[in-house]
Amino acid sequence: MRTQVAIIGGGPSGLLLSQLLHQRGIDSVVLERKTKDHVLSRIRAGVLEVGFVNLMREAGVAERMDRECFIHDGTVISRDNASFGINFKDLTGSHVVVYGQTEVTRDLYEAREAAGGRIVYEVEGVGIHGADGDAPCVTYMKDGAEQRIDCDFVAGCDGFHGVSRQAIPLGVRREYEKVYPFGWLGILSETPPVNDELIYASSERGFALCSMRNEKLSRYYIQCSLSDSPEEWSDAAFWEELKRRIPEEAAERLVTGPSIEKSIAPLRSFVTEPMRWGRLFLCGDAAHIVPPTGAKGLNTAASDIHYLYHGLVQHYHDRDDEGIERYSERALARIWKAERFSWWMTTLLHRFPDQSAFDRRIQAAEVAFLRDNRAAQTVLAENYVGLPY
């Protein structure tokens, strides 16, 4: 098989890259380890920056998103039952969009299938060869037989545990990591959201987040121990703990119900450098992870796709390699700013096991400063709606 760009990973970043390239007449093949149904069953974030929304529009897959999404002009921050709003629209002139990652992925699958895009599911043993030369190829096993794709470039969109990052020699890449001493227990419930905007809540008992997918589907999280398991938390215990951490007026109007999904996610900050090795490019979780506090995971993947997509268009249409040669530099410059913001939000709002009384008072002072200072709110808002590409 021959293609211009071999894309490893059939999640939203790999599909978005494939669809964008298709719009500009550049051929690609997407390899996915799981089935389509499995990919669509993953419950992930749904807060989209304006840059991501614009990429969806450029890819020609924004019709349903524009029709069904929630536009959020701000968010709510609370600490120990006192809350205040941060108005993104007023502070930046912009907003974020709430539209579930599953729906993003579904729209992208439909677009690629309608265009006859090549997606190969349930592949095993993927190998990347010759990425540091002029003629890379990707091999994989499908139905017990080895297959090969010859290509010009390889895009590694296969996540933190994928093969793409590992294909870059240890002597070339450097990794930076911070592991947080807690996780998030999250549930999905068929209940109306407790608030029109997201609520980020800090309390003596730990962090909580009230989010949503649509007007009848809510997503809630509470900070928990890494030693916990979802099975140890009954729905009733989760709801009671959530009520203890969010403002009283929100707790009183909270509508509870059976969970339809429950899981615990560890929190980490991670970056690998460089994000390009020869003709191999890392995108999204293959290159970096952020804690979910700042809603940056899917959005940082989108910024990578922006830089790589434009670099490849520049290569094929203009015969200019400046974009692909500077891909890693440009992507990392924005990634580290997103890493800083996510780290700051996590540090600001969570209860750390080794915190002293002084540390807690500093946290309280930081929240109070944010509440009372328009410049501080503007910095948060600018980062939350998304820094420019």
Protein backbone atom coordinates (compact mmCIF):
# COMPACT_ATOMS: atom_id res chain seq x y z
CA MET A 1 0.00 0.00 0.00
CA ARG A 2 1.20 3.51 -0.77
CA THR A 3 0.10 6.84 0.73
CA GLN A 4 1.52 10.27 1.37
CA VAL A 5 0.90 10.36 5.14
CA ALA A 6 0.54 7.26 7.32
CA ILE A 7 -1.39 8.13 10.47
CA ILE A 8 -1.08 5.81 13.46
CA GLY A 9 -4.10 6.16 15.73
CA GLY A 10 -7.78 6.49 14.82
CA GLY A 11 -8.84 8.80 17.63
CA PRO A 12 -9.94 12.41 17.13
CA SER A 13 -6.47 13.82 16.42
CA GLY A 14 -5.59 11.20 13.78
CA LEU A 15 -9.00 11.49 12.14
CA LEU A 16 -8.91 15.30 12.18
CA LEU A 17 -5.49 15.32 10.53
CA SER A 18 -6.68 12.85 7.89
CA GLN A 19 -9.80 14.89 7.14
CA LEU A 20 -7.93 18.20 6.95
CA LEU A 21 -5.36 16.71 4.59
CA HIS A 22 -8.14 15.26 2.45
CA GLN A 23 -9.64 18.75 2.11
CA ARG A 24 -6.36 19.86 0.56
CA GLY A 25 -5.93 16.85 -1.72
CA ILE A 26 -3.30 15.04 0.39
CA ASP A 27 -3.75 11.28 0.76
CA SER A 28 -3.51 9.41 4.07
CA VAL A 29 -4.16 6.03 5.66
CA VAL A 30 -5.25 5.72 9.30
CA LEU A 31 -4.29 2.68 11.38
CA GLU A 32 -6.28 1.94 14.55
CA ARG A 33 -5.54 -0.79 17.09
CA LYS A 34 -9.15 -1.13 18.27
CA THR A 35 -12.56 -1.34 16.58
CA LYS A 36 -14.53 1.73 15.62
CA ASP A 37 -17.15 0.90 18.27
CA HIS A 38 -14.44 0.71 20.93
CA VAL A 39 -13.05 4.12 19.98
CA LEU A 40 -16.53 5.61 20.13
CA SER A 41 -17.16 4.08 23.55
CA ARG A 42 -14.39 6.10 25.18
CA ILE A 43 -15.74 8.79 27.50
CA ARG A 44 -13.50 11.83 27.31
CA ALA A 45 -13.50 15.60 27.67
CA GLY A 46 -15.84 17.92 25.86
CA VAL A 47 -14.60 21.50 26.35
CA LEU A 48 -13.30 22.81 23.01
CA GLU A 49 -11.22 25.92 22.46
CA VAL A 50 -12.11 28.27 19.62
CA GLY A 51 -9.03 27.09 17.70
CA PHE A 52 -10.30 23.51 17.79
CA VAL A 53 -13.78 24.60 16.69
CA ASN A 54 -12.27 26.48 13.74
CA LEU A 55 -10.26 23.41 12.72
CA MET A 56 -13.47 21.36 12.70
CA ARG A 57 -15.05 23.97 10.45
CA GLU A 58 -12.03 24.00 8.16
CA ALA A 59 -12.28 20.20 7.97
CA GLY A 60 -15.93 20.46 6.91
CA VAL A 61 -17.26 18.52 9.91
CA ALA A 62 -18.74 21.26 12.11
CA GLU A 63 -22.41 21.24 11.06
CA ARG A 64 -23.73 19.06 13.93
CA MET A 65 -21.30 20.59 16.43
CA ASP A 66 -22.48 24.11 15.57
CA ARG A 67 -26.09 22.98 15.86
CA GLU A 68 -25.92 20.97 19.10
CA CYS A 69 -23.02 22.38 21.13
CA PHE A 70 -23.26 24.54 24.24
CA ILE A 71 -21.45 27.87 24.06
CA HIS A 72 -19.92 28.75 27.42
CA ASP A 73 -19.04 32.38 28.02
CA GLY A 74 -17.49 31.73 31.43
CA THR A 75 -16.95 29.41 34.37
CA VAL A 76 -17.48 29.34 38.13
CA ILE A 77 -14.73 28.98 40.72
CA SER A 78 -15.64 28.10 44.31
CA ARG A 79 -13.72 27.61 47.52
CA ASP A 80 -15.26 26.51 50.80
CA ASN A 81 -18.80 27.44 49.74
CA ALA A 82 -17.95 30.89 48.35
CA SER A 83 -18.09 31.15 44.57
CA PHE A 84 -17.52 33.70 41.82
CA GLY A 85 -17.78 33.76 38.05
CA ILE A 86 -15.14 34.45 35.42
CA ASN A 87 -16.66 35.87 32.25
CA PHE A 88 -14.60 34.77 29.25
CA LYS A 89 -16.66 36.82 26.82
CA ASP A 90 -16.21 40.02 28.80
CA LEU A 91 -12.50 39.46 29.45
CA THR A 92 -11.38 38.14 26.05
CA GLY A 93 -14.25 38.57 23.61
CA SER A 94 -14.27 34.80 23.14
CA HIS A 95 -15.78 31.62 24.61
CA VAL A 96 -15.43 27.85 24.74
CA VAL A 97 -17.73 25.18 23.33
CA VAL A 98 -19.00 22.08 25.14
CA TYR A 99 -19.34 19.19 22.70
CA GLY A 100 -18.32 15.69 23.73
CA GLN A 101 -15.15 14.11 22.34
CA THR A 102 -17.20 11.05 21.39
CA GLU A 103 -19.36 13.26 19.18
CA VAL A 104 -16.30 14.91 17.65
CA THR A 105 -14.93 11.46 16.81
CA ARG A 106 -18.27 10.28 15.42
CA ASP A 107 -18.48 13.31 13.10
CA LEU A 108 -14.93 12.73 11.88
CA TYR A 109 -15.56 9.02 11.23
CA GLU A 110 -18.65 9.84 9.20
CA ALA A 111 -16.75 12.40 7.14
CA ARG A 112 -13.83 10.07 6.44
CA GLU A 113 -16.15 7.21 5.48
CA ALA A 114 -18.24 9.46 3.21
CA ALA A 115 -15.04 10.54 1.45
CA GLY A 116 -13.81 6.96 1.05
CA GLY A 117 -10.95 7.53 3.48
CA ARG A 118 -8.83 4.50 4.27
CA ILE A 119 -9.05 3.44 7.94
CA VAL A 120 -7.69 0.04 8.95
CA TYR A 121 -9.02 -1.25 12.28
CA GLU A 122 -7.74 -3.93 14.67
CA VAL A 123 -4.13 -3.72 13.58
CA GLU A 124 -1.40 -5.29 15.70
CA GLY A 125 2.37 -5.13 15.91
CA VAL A 126 2.71 -1.72 14.28
CA GLY A 127 6.30 -0.86 13.41
CA ILE A 128 7.80 2.39 12.08
CA HIS A 129 10.82 1.99 9.84
CA GLY A 130 13.23 4.41 8.18
CA ALA A 131 11.71 7.52 9.75
CA ASP A 132 15.15 9.14 9.88
CA GLY A 133 15.58 8.68 6.12
CA ASP A 134 13.79 9.70 2.94
CA ALA A 135 11.57 6.63 2.51
CA PRO A 136 9.76 5.69 5.74
CA CYS A 137 7.30 2.82 5.94
CA VAL A 138 4.91 1.37 8.48
CA THR A 139 4.31 -2.33 8.95
CA TYR A 140 1.50 -4.00 10.87
CA MET A 141 -0.29 -7.31 11.32
CA LYS A 142 -3.86 -7.69 10.13
CA ASP A 143 -5.75 -11.03 10.15
CA GLY A 144 -2.49 -12.87 10.78
CA ALA A 145 -0.65 -11.40 7.78
CA GLU A 146 1.96 -8.66 7.75
CA GLN A 147 1.07 -5.55 5.77
CA ARG A 148 3.23 -2.59 4.72
CA ILE A 149 2.50 1.05 3.95
CA ASP A 150 5.11 3.06 2.08
CA CYS A 151 4.73 6.76 2.72
CA ASP A 152 6.35 10.19 2.75
CA PHE A 153 5.60 10.98 6.39
CA VAL A 154 4.33 9.26 9.54
CA ALA A 155 2.05 10.99 12.07
CA GLY A 156 2.04 9.34 15.49
CA CYS A 157 -1.40 10.02 16.97
CA ASP A 158 -1.51 6.79 18.98
CA GLY A 159 -1.54 8.07 22.54
CA PHE A 160 0.73 7.81 25.54
CA HIS A 161 1.08 4.02 25.33
CA GLY A 162 1.47 3.85 21.54
CA VAL A 163 4.49 2.85 19.50
CA SER A 164 5.26 6.19 17.88
CA ARG A 165 7.12 7.86 20.73
CA GLN A 166 9.07 4.67 21.39
CA ALA A 167 10.27 4.74 17.78
CA ILE A 168 12.37 7.81 18.57
CA PRO A 169 15.72 6.60 20.00
CA LEU A 170 16.30 7.18 23.71
CA GLY A 171 19.45 9.08 22.86
CA VAL A 172 17.37 11.59 20.91
CA ARG A 173 14.29 12.18 23.07
CA ARG A 174 14.07 13.68 26.52
CA GLU A 175 11.03 13.25 28.74
CA TYR A 176 9.69 15.54 31.47
CA GLU A 177 7.08 14.27 33.91
CA LYS A 178 5.23 15.20 37.08
CA VAL A 179 2.89 12.62 38.64
CA TYR A 180 0.23 14.00 41.00
CA PRO A 181 -0.57 12.13 44.24
CA PHE A 182 -4.30 11.76 43.54
CA GLY A 183 -6.77 10.90 40.81
CA TRP A 184 -10.20 11.94 39.59
CA LEU A 185 -13.21 9.70 40.15
CA GLY A 186 -15.65 10.58 37.39
CA ILE A 187 -19.22 9.54 36.67
CA LEU A 188 -21.55 10.09 33.76
CA SER A 189 -25.26 10.33 34.56
CA GLU A 190 -28.43 10.92 32.60
CA THR A 191 -29.33 13.96 34.69
CA PRO A 192 -29.60 17.67 33.88
CA PRO A 193 -26.43 19.69 34.64
CA VAL A 194 -26.39 21.40 38.01
CA ASN A 195 -25.27 24.68 36.47
CA ASP A 196 -25.21 26.39 33.07
CA GLU A 197 -21.42 26.84 33.35
CA LEU A 198 -18.76 24.46 34.68
CA ILE A 199 -18.08 24.67 38.43
CA TYR A 200 -14.50 24.19 39.63
CA ALA A 201 -14.73 23.63 43.37
CA SER A 202 -11.94 23.57 45.96
CA SER A 203 -12.70 22.48 49.52
CA GLU A 204 -11.04 21.07 52.61
CA ARG A 205 -12.27 17.66 51.46
CA GLY A 206 -10.66 17.99 48.03
CA PHE A 207 -11.45 19.13 44.51
CA ALA A 208 -14.69 18.63 42.56
CA LEU A 209 -15.83 19.53 39.05
CA CYS A 210 -19.37 19.85 37.70
CA SER A 211 -19.49 19.53 33.93
CA MET A 212 -21.91 18.34 31.25
CA ARG A 213 -22.23 16.75 27.82
CA ASN A 214 -25.69 18.03 26.94
CA GLU A 215 -28.88 19.20 28.63
CA LYS A 216 -29.69 15.67 29.80
CA LEU A 217 -26.21 14.22 30.33
CA SER A 218 -23.90 15.38 33.13
CA ARG A 219 -20.28 14.62 33.96
CA TYR A 220 -19.04 15.02 37.54
CA TYR A 221 -15.64 14.45 39.15
CA ILE A 222 -14.20 14.35 42.64
CA GLN A 223 -10.56 14.15 43.70
CA CYS A 224 -9.80 10.74 45.17
CA SER A 225 -6.93 8.58 46.33
CA LEU A 226 -4.96 6.66 43.73
CA SER A 227 -5.53 3.56 45.84
CA ASP A 228 -9.31 3.82 45.38
CA SER A 229 -11.19 1.76 42.81
CA PRO A 230 -14.49 2.71 41.14
CA GLU A 231 -16.15 -0.37 42.62
CA GLU A 232 -15.49 0.96 46.13
CA TRP A 233 -17.63 4.00 45.41
CA SER A 234 -21.38 3.47 45.31
CA ASP A 235 -23.41 6.04 43.41
CA ALA A 236 -24.90 7.24 46.70
CA ALA A 237 -21.46 7.72 48.26
CA PHE A 238 -20.27 9.67 45.21
CA TRP A 239 -23.26 12.03 45.23
CA GLU A 240 -22.94 12.69 48.95
CA GLU A 241 -19.24 13.47 48.64
CA LEU A 242 -19.82 15.73 45.64
CA LYS A 243 -22.45 17.69 47.59
CA ARG A 244 -19.97 18.25 50.42
CA ARG A 245 -17.44 19.85 48.05
CA ILE A 246 -19.53 22.15 45.86
CA PRO A 247 -21.34 25.35 46.96
CA GLU A 248 -24.43 24.70 49.09
CA GLU A 249 -26.80 26.36 46.63
CA ALA A 250 -25.52 24.02 43.88
CA ALA A 251 -25.73 20.98 46.16
CA GLU A 252 -29.36 21.79 46.94
CA ARG A 253 -30.43 21.79 43.28
CA LEU A 254 -28.23 18.85 42.20
CA VAL A 255 -30.25 16.15 40.47
CA THR A 256 -28.80 12.70 41.16
CA GLY A 257 -29.33 9.41 39.38
CA PRO A 258 -27.67 6.10 38.47
CA SER A 259 -24.22 6.37 36.92
CA ILE A 260 -23.90 5.02 33.39
CA GLU A 261 -20.09 5.17 33.50
CA LYS A 262 -17.68 5.37 36.41
CA SER A 263 -13.88 5.46 36.30
CA ILE A 264 -10.77 6.79 38.01
CA ALA A 265 -8.14 8.69 36.05
CA PRO A 266 -4.64 9.39 37.42
CA LEU A 267 -3.25 12.89 36.89
CA ARG A 268 0.11 13.62 35.31
CA SER A 269 1.98 16.30 33.42
CA PHE A 270 4.24 14.89 30.70
CA VAL A 271 6.17 16.23 27.71
CA THR A 272 8.61 14.54 25.38
CA GLU A 273 11.05 16.51 23.24
CA PRO A 274 11.49 16.71 20.31
CA MET A 275 8.11 16.02 18.72
CA ARG A 276 9.69 15.32 15.34
CA TRP A 277 12.34 12.80 14.35
CA GLY A 278 13.09 12.86 10.66
CA ARG A 279 9.79 12.15 8.92
CA LEU A 280 7.98 11.00 12.08
CA PHE A 281 5.82 13.55 13.91
CA LEU A 282 4.25 13.05 17.34
CA CYS A 283 0.83 14.53 18.02
CA GLY A 284 -1.39 14.71 21.10
CA ASP A 285 -0.98 12.23 23.94
CA ALA A 286 1.87 10.51 22.11
CA ALA A 287 3.95 13.60 22.94
CA HIS A 288 2.35 15.21 25.98
CA ILE A 289 -0.19 14.75 28.76
CA VAL A 290 -1.85 17.42 30.91
CA PRO A 291 -3.96 16.99 34.03
CA PRO A 292 -7.60 17.56 33.03
CA THR A 293 -8.11 20.53 35.35
CA GLY A 294 -7.65 23.12 32.60
CA ALA A 295 -9.54 21.20 29.86
CA LYS A 296 -6.46 21.15 27.62
CA GLY A 297 -5.93 17.50 26.65
CA LEU A 298 -7.91 17.34 23.41
CA ASN A 299 -7.16 20.99 22.68
CA THR A 300 -3.39 20.55 22.84
CA ALA A 301 -3.73 17.67 20.39
CA ALA A 302 -5.66 20.00 18.09
CA SER A 303 -2.89 22.59 18.18
CA ASP A 304 -0.39 19.91 17.15
CA ILE A 305 -2.64 18.97 14.24
CA HIS A 306 -2.82 22.63 13.23
CA TYR A 307 0.95 22.96 13.00
CA LEU A 308 1.48 19.60 11.28
CA TYR A 309 -1.38 20.05 8.82
CA HIS A 310 -0.14 23.45 7.72
CA GLY A 311 3.43 22.18 7.51
CA LEU A 312 2.39 19.31 5.25
CA VAL A 313 0.28 21.58 3.04
CA GLN A 314 3.28 23.91 2.75
CA HIS A 315 5.45 20.92 1.75
CA TYR A 316 3.11 19.50 -0.88
CA HIS A 317 1.60 22.70 -2.30
CA ASP A 318 4.47 25.17 -2.02
CA ARG A 319 7.48 22.81 -2.05
CA ASP A 320 8.58 24.53 1.17
CA ASP A 321 9.72 22.46 4.18
CA GLU A 322 9.89 25.32 6.68
CA GLY A 323 6.63 24.23 8.33
CA ILE A 324 7.61 20.61 8.89
CA GLU A 325 11.15 21.52 9.92
CA ARG A 326 9.83 23.87 12.61
CA TYR A 327 6.89 21.67 13.65
CA SER A 328 8.41 20.52 16.94
CA GLU A 329 9.60 24.00 17.89
CA ARG A 330 6.22 25.61 17.24
CA ALA A 331 4.16 22.85 18.81
CA LEU A 332 6.27 22.70 21.97
CA ALA A 333 6.20 26.47 22.47
CA ARG A 334 2.42 26.30 22.82
CA ILE A 335 2.38 22.96 24.64
CA TRP A 336 4.56 24.21 27.50
CA LYS A 337 2.23 27.16 28.03
CA ALA A 338 -0.72 24.76 28.21
CA GLU A 339 1.26 22.55 30.60
CA ARG A 340 1.90 25.57 32.83
CA PHE A 341 -1.77 26.54 32.88
CA SER A 342 -2.95 23.00 33.66
CA TRP A 343 -0.34 22.63 36.41
CA TRP A 344 -1.38 25.99 37.89
CA MET A 345 -5.09 25.13 37.88
CA THR A 346 -4.34 21.76 39.47
CA THR A 347 -2.12 23.30 42.15
CA LEU A 348 -4.64 26.04 42.87
CA LEU A 349 -7.70 23.84 43.39
CA HIS A 350 -6.63 20.45 44.76
CA ARG A 351 -5.85 19.29 48.26
CA PHE A 352 -2.34 17.79 48.34
CA PRO A 353 -1.53 15.16 50.99
CA ASP A 354 1.65 16.92 52.16
CA GLN A 355 0.18 20.42 52.34
CA SER A 356 0.95 22.47 55.43
CA ALA A 357 -1.35 25.05 57.00
CA PHE A 358 0.78 27.70 55.29
CA ASP A 359 0.26 26.04 51.91
CA ARG A 360 -3.50 26.05 52.38
CA ARG A 361 -3.53 29.73 53.32
CA ILE A 362 -1.48 30.54 50.21
CA GLN A 363 -4.03 28.63 48.11
CA ALA A 364 -6.83 30.63 49.74
CA ALA A 365 -5.01 33.89 49.07
CA GLU A 366 -4.46 32.92 45.43
CA VAL A 367 -8.17 32.20 44.95
CA ALA A 368 -9.06 35.49 46.68
CA PHE A 369 -6.66 37.37 44.41
CA LEU A 370 -8.22 35.74 41.37
CA ARG A 371 -11.70 36.68 42.63
CA ASP A 372 -10.80 40.35 43.14
CA ASN A 373 -8.35 41.08 40.32
CA ARG A 374 -9.53 41.57 36.74
CA ALA A 375 -6.02 41.16 35.33
CA ALA A 376 -5.68 37.74 37.00
CA GLN A 377 -9.08 36.73 35.67
CA THR A 378 -8.04 37.84 32.19
CA VAL A 379 -4.95 35.62 32.31
CA LEU A 380 -7.09 32.62 33.29
CA ALA A 381 -9.68 33.43 30.62
CA GLU A 382 -7.09 33.87 27.86
CA ASN A 383 -5.57 30.48 28.67
CA TYR A 384 -8.92 28.74 29.07
CA VAL A 385 -10.43 29.86 25.76
CA GLY A 386 -7.10 28.97 24.11
CA LEU A 387 -3.90 30.79 23.30
CA PRO A 388 -3.46 31.67 19.62
CA TYR A 389 -1.77 29.14 17.34
